[in-house]
Amino acid sequence: MSQANLARKAAVSVSLLSKIEVGDRALTPAVAAAIGKALGVSMAEVLGRAPVALNDEERLSALRSAMRDFDLPSARSVAEGRLSAGLDAAGRYRDAVDVTRLIALLPGLLRDATAHAHAANTVDSWTALADVYSTVYWLAARHRWMDMAELAVTRQRWAVEQKPNPLGEDLDAHGLTFGPRNTFTHETGHTRGPRHAPKTRTPGCECMAVPRRTPHTVLMPPPSTT
């Protein structure tokens, strides 16, 4: 089947299909489903799944469990310094594409962020939780674990909605969600803006924001074998 015929049957543009093929655009669940239908195969067959190291299976199971317990926070007290250090570490591992360490860190970090958000109930604490879910999304989308990726987006939006604020309302109106360090993440898998910029305050908004700079786009890479 030619690219043009596939694009027509899947009801997507030839341009988008070409960009996905060469890695210039992320393959979203919606487009994968459309391509699968056009080809007569399942979405899972279109996406494939990256292999997971045997000792990472338990950590992924723990991460899924933490995501399921989004409304069941632990009673433990979480110091802001500990949470901030965890967020910084997650950012470093993500920048370095250190998947093994990131998988090991995320289950505990997500539970800490969840407990802290429920206890503090501030814009900053819920935004920190949304940051963690953004990193979970990056990890899942990179490995094409689309069920986890979709759930991460849902949980991320839920976290943002717990403490309405001007920035969150604006993002929701434009179909965007918070990304790491409060950059903006499109649900298509694109992250815009620097992730380690100094924190500043946005007028009229309690949440942390990054200074405006020339945006860049980070595309989801192909599946990792690590």
C-alpha atoms as a PDB file:
ATOM      1  CA  MET A   1       0.000   0.000   0.000  1.00  0.00           C
ATOM      2  CA  SER A   2       1.380   3.399  -0.905  1.00  0.00           C
ATOM      3  CA  GLN A   3       1.857   6.122   1.673  1.00  0.00           C
ATOM      4  CA  ALA A   4      -0.828   8.231  -0.008  1.00  0.00           C
ATOM      5  CA  ASN A   5      -3.346   5.372   0.066  1.00  0.00           C
ATOM      6  CA  LEU A   6      -2.592   4.629   3.708  1.00  0.00           C
ATOM      7  CA  ALA A   7      -2.963   8.286   4.637  1.00  0.00           C
ATOM      8  CA  ARG A   8      -6.316   8.441   2.842  1.00  0.00           C
ATOM      9  CA  LYS A   9      -7.664   5.264   4.476  1.00  0.00           C
ATOM     10  CA  ALA A  10      -6.451   6.366   7.906  1.00  0.00           C
ATOM     11  CA  ALA A  11      -7.877   9.879   7.391  1.00  0.00           C
ATOM     12  CA  VAL A  12      -4.569  11.569   8.180  1.00  0.00           C
ATOM     13  CA  SER A  13      -2.427  13.843   6.050  1.00  0.00           C
ATOM     14  CA  VAL A  14       0.431  12.498   3.956  1.00  0.00           C
ATOM     15  CA  SER A  15       2.634  15.141   5.564  1.00  0.00           C
ATOM     16  CA  LEU A  16       1.873  13.873   9.072  1.00  0.00           C
ATOM     17  CA  LEU A  17       2.433  10.271   8.041  1.00  0.00           C
ATOM     18  CA  SER A  18       5.793  11.164   6.485  1.00  0.00           C
ATOM     19  CA  LYS A  19       6.929  13.003   9.611  1.00  0.00           C
ATOM     20  CA  ILE A  20       5.969  10.055  11.809  1.00  0.00           C
ATOM     21  CA  GLU A  21       7.888   7.654   9.576  1.00  0.00           C
ATOM     22  CA  VAL A  22      11.114   9.660   9.813  1.00  0.00           C
ATOM     23  CA  GLY A  23      10.684  10.426  13.526  1.00  0.00           C
ATOM     24  CA  ASP A  24       9.872  14.127  13.233  1.00  0.00           C
ATOM     25  CA  ARG A  25       6.498  13.618  14.933  1.00  0.00           C
ATOM     26  CA  ALA A  26       5.362  11.304  17.696  1.00  0.00           C
ATOM     27  CA  LEU A  27       2.927   8.521  16.856  1.00  0.00           C
ATOM     28  CA  THR A  28      -0.077   9.253  19.078  1.00  0.00           C
ATOM     29  CA  PRO A  29      -2.577   6.580  20.176  1.00  0.00           C
ATOM     30  CA  ALA A  30      -5.301   8.125  17.987  1.00  0.00           C
ATOM     31  CA  VAL A  31      -3.174   8.067  14.832  1.00  0.00           C
ATOM     32  CA  ALA A  32      -1.879   4.574  15.649  1.00  0.00           C
ATOM     33  CA  ALA A  33      -5.459   3.331  15.978  1.00  0.00           C
ATOM     34  CA  ALA A  34      -6.402   4.925  12.644  1.00  0.00           C
ATOM     35  CA  ILE A  35      -3.393   3.379  10.882  1.00  0.00           C
ATOM     36  CA  GLY A  36      -4.099   0.003  12.463  1.00  0.00           C
ATOM     37  CA  LYS A  37      -7.700   0.088  11.269  1.00  0.00           C
ATOM     38  CA  ALA A  38      -6.577   1.004   7.757  1.00  0.00           C
ATOM     39  CA  LEU A  39      -4.077  -1.871   7.734  1.00  0.00           C
ATOM     40  CA  GLY A  40      -6.392  -4.349   9.429  1.00  0.00           C
ATOM     41  CA  VAL A  41      -4.146  -4.812  12.468  1.00  0.00           C
ATOM     42  CA  SER A  42      -4.435  -3.869  16.141  1.00  0.00           C
ATOM     43  CA  MET A  43      -3.027  -0.677  17.608  1.00  0.00           C
ATOM     44  CA  ALA A  44      -0.634  -2.788  19.702  1.00  0.00           C
ATOM     45  CA  GLU A  45       0.768  -4.335  16.511  1.00  0.00           C
ATOM     46  CA  VAL A  46       1.280  -0.869  15.023  1.00  0.00           C
ATOM     47  CA  LEU A  47       3.008   0.489  18.116  1.00  0.00           C
ATOM     48  CA  GLY A  48       4.923  -2.548  19.252  1.00  0.00           C
ATOM     49  CA  ARG A  49       6.358  -2.670  22.755  1.00  0.00           C
ATOM     50  CA  ALA A  50       9.895  -2.026  23.889  1.00  0.00           C
ATOM     51  CA  PRO A  51      11.399  -4.879  25.898  1.00  0.00           C
ATOM     52  CA  VAL A  52      11.769  -4.383  29.649  1.00  0.00           C
ATOM     53  CA  ALA A  53      14.610  -5.758  31.742  1.00  0.00           C
ATOM     54  CA  LEU A  54      13.458  -8.511  34.058  1.00  0.00           C
ATOM     55  CA  ASN A  55      14.340  -6.574  37.218  1.00  0.00           C
ATOM     56  CA  ASP A  56      12.362  -3.549  35.931  1.00  0.00           C
ATOM     57  CA  GLU A  57       9.079  -5.465  35.745  1.00  0.00           C
ATOM     58  CA  GLU A  58       8.530  -5.210  39.512  1.00  0.00           C
ATOM     59  CA  ARG A  59       9.306  -1.491  39.464  1.00  0.00           C
ATOM     60  CA  LEU A  60       6.841  -0.899  36.649  1.00  0.00           C
ATOM     61  CA  SER A  61       4.248  -2.848  38.588  1.00  0.00           C
ATOM     62  CA  ALA A  62       4.949  -0.615  41.598  1.00  0.00           C
ATOM     63  CA  LEU A  63       4.577   2.471  39.386  1.00  0.00           C
ATOM     64  CA  ARG A  64       1.226   1.277  38.052  1.00  0.00           C
ATOM     65  CA  SER A  65       0.110   0.616  41.628  1.00  0.00           C
ATOM     66  CA  ALA A  66       1.077   4.165  42.645  1.00  0.00           C
ATOM     67  CA  MET A  67      -0.912   5.547  39.708  1.00  0.00           C
ATOM     68  CA  ARG A  68      -3.959   3.535  40.765  1.00  0.00           C
ATOM     69  CA  ASP A  69      -3.675   4.957  44.281  1.00  0.00           C
ATOM     70  CA  PHE A  70      -3.888   8.561  43.079  1.00  0.00           C
ATOM     71  CA  ASP A  71      -6.726   9.301  45.538  1.00  0.00           C
ATOM     72  CA  LEU A  72      -5.365   7.124  48.356  1.00  0.00           C
ATOM     73  CA  PRO A  73      -2.370   9.066  49.726  1.00  0.00           C
ATOM     74  CA  SER A  74      -0.202   7.569  52.428  1.00  0.00           C
ATOM     75  CA  ALA A  75      -0.219   9.182  55.863  1.00  0.00           C
ATOM     76  CA  ARG A  76       3.542   9.731  55.862  1.00  0.00           C
ATOM     77  CA  SER A  77       4.898  13.251  56.040  1.00  0.00           C
ATOM     78  CA  VAL A  78       6.980  14.288  53.045  1.00  0.00           C
ATOM     79  CA  ALA A  79       9.441  17.153  53.409  1.00  0.00           C
ATOM     80  CA  GLU A  80       9.424  19.636  50.545  1.00  0.00           C
ATOM     81  CA  GLY A  81      13.209  19.355  50.291  1.00  0.00           C
ATOM     82  CA  ARG A  82      12.965  15.618  49.752  1.00  0.00           C
ATOM     83  CA  LEU A  83      10.303  16.049  47.084  1.00  0.00           C
ATOM     84  CA  SER A  84      12.268  18.799  45.346  1.00  0.00           C
ATOM     85  CA  ALA A  85      15.375  16.605  45.317  1.00  0.00           C
ATOM     86  CA  GLY A  86      13.339  13.771  43.799  1.00  0.00           C
ATOM     87  CA  LEU A  87      11.960  16.030  41.080  1.00  0.00           C
ATOM     88  CA  ASP A  88      15.448  17.294  40.265  1.00  0.00           C
ATOM     89  CA  ALA A  89      16.778  13.735  40.076  1.00  0.00           C
ATOM     90  CA  ALA A  90      13.927  12.730  37.766  1.00  0.00           C
ATOM     91  CA  GLY A  91      14.802  15.656  35.526  1.00  0.00           C
ATOM     92  CA  ARG A  92      18.463  14.642  35.377  1.00  0.00           C
ATOM     93  CA  TYR A  93      17.650  11.014  34.593  1.00  0.00           C
ATOM     94  CA  ARG A  94      15.233  12.075  31.893  1.00  0.00           C
ATOM     95  CA  ASP A  95      17.785  14.428  30.321  1.00  0.00           C
ATOM     96  CA  ALA A  96      20.338  11.616  30.330  1.00  0.00           C
ATOM     97  CA  VAL A  97      17.739   9.089  29.132  1.00  0.00           C
ATOM     98  CA  ASP A  98      18.736   6.988  32.133  1.00  0.00           C
ATOM     99  CA  VAL A  99      15.641   4.808  31.996  1.00  0.00           C
ATOM    100  CA  THR A 100      16.817   2.262  34.567  1.00  0.00           C
ATOM    101  CA  ARG A 101      17.325   4.834  37.314  1.00  0.00           C
ATOM    102  CA  LEU A 102      14.157   6.688  36.341  1.00  0.00           C
ATOM    103  CA  ILE A 103      12.037   3.541  36.625  1.00  0.00           C
ATOM    104  CA  ALA A 104      13.577   2.862  40.039  1.00  0.00           C
ATOM    105  CA  LEU A 105      12.873   6.423  41.227  1.00  0.00           C
ATOM    106  CA  LEU A 106       9.342   7.043  39.949  1.00  0.00           C
ATOM    107  CA  PRO A 107       7.192   4.731  42.129  1.00  0.00           C
ATOM    108  CA  GLY A 108       8.432   6.264  45.388  1.00  0.00           C
ATOM    109  CA  LEU A 109       8.525   9.785  43.963  1.00  0.00           C
ATOM    110  CA  LEU A 110       4.941   9.514  42.741  1.00  0.00           C
ATOM    111  CA  ARG A 111       3.754   8.312  46.155  1.00  0.00           C
ATOM    112  CA  ASP A 112       5.679  11.124  47.880  1.00  0.00           C
ATOM    113  CA  ALA A 113       4.232  13.743  45.514  1.00  0.00           C
ATOM    114  CA  THR A 114       0.734  12.330  45.968  1.00  0.00           C
ATOM    115  CA  ALA A 115       0.985  12.361  49.773  1.00  0.00           C
ATOM    116  CA  HIS A 116       2.424  15.890  49.780  1.00  0.00           C
ATOM    117  CA  ALA A 117      -0.242  17.265  47.414  1.00  0.00           C
ATOM    118  CA  HIS A 118      -3.104  15.887  49.486  1.00  0.00           C
ATOM    119  CA  ALA A 119      -1.547  17.121  52.742  1.00  0.00           C
ATOM    120  CA  ALA A 120      -0.440  20.593  51.611  1.00  0.00           C
ATOM    121  CA  ASN A 121      -3.270  21.178  49.106  1.00  0.00           C
ATOM    122  CA  THR A 122      -1.531  24.129  47.461  1.00  0.00           C
ATOM    123  CA  VAL A 123      -1.095  25.052  43.820  1.00  0.00           C
ATOM    124  CA  ASP A 124       2.634  24.309  44.070  1.00  0.00           C
ATOM    125  CA  SER A 125       2.106  20.855  45.573  1.00  0.00           C
ATOM    126  CA  TRP A 126      -0.460  19.797  42.950  1.00  0.00           C
ATOM    127  CA  THR A 127       1.769  21.211  40.211  1.00  0.00           C
ATOM    128  CA  ALA A 128       4.667  19.120  41.545  1.00  0.00           C
ATOM    129  CA  LEU A 129       2.441  16.041  41.297  1.00  0.00           C
ATOM    130  CA  ALA A 130       1.536  17.001  37.726  1.00  0.00           C
ATOM    131  CA  ASP A 131       5.283  17.255  37.010  1.00  0.00           C
ATOM    132  CA  VAL A 132       5.788  13.669  38.132  1.00  0.00           C
ATOM    133  CA  TYR A 133       2.932  12.437  35.947  1.00  0.00           C
ATOM    134  CA  SER A 134       4.504  14.296  33.018  1.00  0.00           C
ATOM    135  CA  THR A 135       7.698  12.304  33.519  1.00  0.00           C
ATOM    136  CA  VAL A 136       5.682   9.086  33.764  1.00  0.00           C
ATOM    137  CA  TYR A 137       4.085  10.014  30.440  1.00  0.00           C
ATOM    138  CA  TRP A 138       7.499  10.589  28.850  1.00  0.00           C
ATOM    139  CA  LEU A 139       8.723   7.212  30.033  1.00  0.00           C
ATOM    140  CA  ALA A 140       5.594   5.381  28.890  1.00  0.00           C
ATOM    141  CA  ALA A 141       5.372   7.111  25.502  1.00  0.00           C
ATOM    142  CA  ARG A 142       9.060   6.465  24.841  1.00  0.00           C
ATOM    143  CA  HIS A 143       8.518   2.743  25.345  1.00  0.00           C
ATOM    144  CA  ARG A 144       5.095   2.765  23.693  1.00  0.00           C
ATOM    145  CA  TRP A 145       3.278   1.599  26.807  1.00  0.00           C
ATOM    146  CA  MET A 146       0.264   3.509  25.589  1.00  0.00           C
ATOM    147  CA  ASP A 147      -2.129   2.414  28.334  1.00  0.00           C
ATOM    148  CA  MET A 148       0.232   3.885  30.926  1.00  0.00           C
ATOM    149  CA  ALA A 149       0.812   6.999  28.804  1.00  0.00           C
ATOM    150  CA  GLU A 150      -2.912   7.684  28.473  1.00  0.00           C
ATOM    151  CA  LEU A 151      -3.466   7.153  32.202  1.00  0.00           C
ATOM    152  CA  ALA A 152      -0.568   9.490  33.014  1.00  0.00           C
ATOM    153  CA  VAL A 153      -2.166  12.263  30.938  1.00  0.00           C
ATOM    154  CA  THR A 154      -5.506  11.708  32.704  1.00  0.00           C
ATOM    155  CA  ARG A 155      -3.883  11.796  36.148  1.00  0.00           C
ATOM    156  CA  GLN A 156      -1.819  14.838  35.217  1.00  0.00           C
ATOM    157  CA  ARG A 157      -4.911  16.782  34.215  1.00  0.00           C
ATOM    158  CA  TRP A 158      -6.669  15.644  37.384  1.00  0.00           C
ATOM    159  CA  ALA A 159      -3.776  16.960  39.500  1.00  0.00           C
ATOM    160  CA  VAL A 160      -3.852  20.344  37.762  1.00  0.00           C
ATOM    161  CA  GLU A 161      -7.601  20.629  38.312  1.00  0.00           C
ATOM    162  CA  GLN A 162      -7.374  20.113  42.090  1.00  0.00           C
ATOM    163  CA  LYS A 163      -6.290  23.693  42.676  1.00  0.00           C
ATOM    164  CA  PRO A 164      -7.594  25.902  39.826  1.00  0.00           C
ATOM    165  CA  ASN A 165      -5.280  28.742  38.839  1.00  0.00           C
ATOM    166  CA  PRO A 166      -4.945  31.059  35.817  1.00  0.00           C
ATOM    167  CA  LEU A 167      -2.100  29.070  34.251  1.00  0.00           C
ATOM    168  CA  GLY A 168      -3.908  25.756  34.647  1.00  0.00           C
ATOM    169  CA  GLU A 169      -7.140  27.147  33.225  1.00  0.00           C
ATOM    170  CA  ASP A 170      -5.277  28.575  30.229  1.00  0.00           C
ATOM    171  CA  LEU A 171      -3.537  25.255  29.562  1.00  0.00           C
ATOM    172  CA  ASP A 172      -6.799  23.336  29.809  1.00  0.00           C
ATOM    173  CA  ALA A 173      -8.486  25.765  27.415  1.00  0.00           C
ATOM    174  CA  HIS A 174      -5.744  25.109  24.847  1.00  0.00           C
ATOM    175  CA  GLY A 175      -5.673  21.346  25.333  1.00  0.00           C
ATOM    176  CA  LEU A 176      -2.286  21.398  27.043  1.00  0.00           C
ATOM    177  CA  THR A 177      -0.994  19.987  30.305  1.00  0.00           C
ATOM    178  CA  PHE A 178       1.927  20.799  32.550  1.00  0.00           C
ATOM    179  CA  GLY A 179       5.276  19.362  31.548  1.00  0.00           C
ATOM    180  CA  PRO A 180       8.403  18.887  33.619  1.00  0.00           C
ATOM    181  CA  ARG A 181       9.280  21.993  35.600  1.00  0.00           C
ATOM    182  CA  ASN A 182       6.017  23.549  34.380  1.00  0.00           C
ATOM    183  CA  THR A 183       6.830  23.753  30.726  1.00  0.00           C
ATOM    184  CA  PHE A 184       3.914  22.813  28.525  1.00  0.00           C
ATOM    185  CA  THR A 185       3.309  19.329  27.174  1.00  0.00           C
ATOM    186  CA  HIS A 186       1.074  18.610  24.208  1.00  0.00           C
ATOM    187  CA  GLU A 187      -0.750  15.309  24.449  1.00  0.00           C
ATOM    188  CA  THR A 188       0.818  14.491  21.099  1.00  0.00           C
ATOM    189  CA  GLY A 189       4.065  13.845  22.952  1.00  0.00           C
ATOM    190  CA  HIS A 190       5.838  17.157  22.391  1.00  0.00           C
ATOM    191  CA  THR A 191       7.448  19.023  25.261  1.00  0.00           C
ATOM    192  CA  ARG A 192       8.146  22.690  24.753  1.00  0.00           C
ATOM    193  CA  GLY A 193      10.403  25.005  26.654  1.00  0.00           C
ATOM    194  CA  PRO A 194      13.432  24.629  28.949  1.00  0.00           C
ATOM    195  CA  ARG A 195      13.057  22.325  31.937  1.00  0.00           C
ATOM    196  CA  HIS A 196      15.735  23.623  34.257  1.00  0.00           C
ATOM    197  CA  ALA A 197      15.181  27.382  34.088  1.00  0.00           C
ATOM    198  CA  PRO A 198      15.207  29.395  37.349  1.00  0.00           C
ATOM    199  CA  LYS A 199      11.846  29.560  39.071  1.00  0.00           C
ATOM    200  CA  THR A 200       9.895  32.817  38.877  1.00  0.00           C
ATOM    201  CA  ARG A 201       6.395  33.839  39.811  1.00  0.00           C
ATOM    202  CA  THR A 202       3.663  34.509  37.296  1.00  0.00           C
ATOM    203  CA  PRO A 203       1.536  37.572  38.273  1.00  0.00           C
ATOM    204  CA  GLY A 204      -1.824  36.506  39.606  1.00  0.00           C
ATOM    205  CA  CYS A 205      -0.778  32.869  39.858  1.00  0.00           C
ATOM    206  CA  GLU A 206       0.645  31.039  42.864  1.00  0.00           C
ATOM    207  CA  CYS A 207       2.296  28.345  40.786  1.00  0.00           C
ATOM    208  CA  MET A 208       5.904  28.273  39.653  1.00  0.00           C
ATOM    209  CA  ALA A 209       6.602  29.196  36.052  1.00  0.00           C
ATOM    210  CA  VAL A 210       9.679  29.361  33.876  1.00  0.00           C
ATOM    211  CA  PRO A 211      10.824  32.538  32.115  1.00  0.00           C
ATOM    212  CA  ARG A 212       9.867  32.791  28.491  1.00  0.00           C
ATOM    213  CA  ARG A 213      12.605  31.733  26.128  1.00  0.00           C
ATOM    214  CA  THR A 214      12.792  30.591  22.578  1.00  0.00           C
ATOM    215  CA  PRO A 215      10.870  27.303  22.722  1.00  0.00           C
ATOM    216  CA  HIS A 216      12.258  24.061  21.453  1.00  0.00           C
ATOM    217  CA  THR A 217      10.548  20.779  20.790  1.00  0.00           C
ATOM    218  CA  VAL A 218      11.642  17.442  22.180  1.00  0.00           C
ATOM    219  CA  LEU A 219      10.274  14.562  20.169  1.00  0.00           C
ATOM    220  CA  MET A 220       9.605  11.101  21.538  1.00  0.00           C
ATOM    221  CA  PRO A 221      12.558   8.909  20.465  1.00  0.00           C
ATOM    222  CA  PRO A 222      12.177   5.377  19.165  1.00  0.00           C
ATOM    223  CA  PRO A 223      11.724   2.549  21.675  1.00  0.00           C
ATOM    224  CA  SER A 224      14.655   1.940  23.979  1.00  0.00           C
ATOM    225  CA  THR A 225      16.135  -1.486  24.482  1.00  0.00           C
ATOM    226  CA  THR A 226      17.507  -0.564  27.891  1.00  0.00           C
END
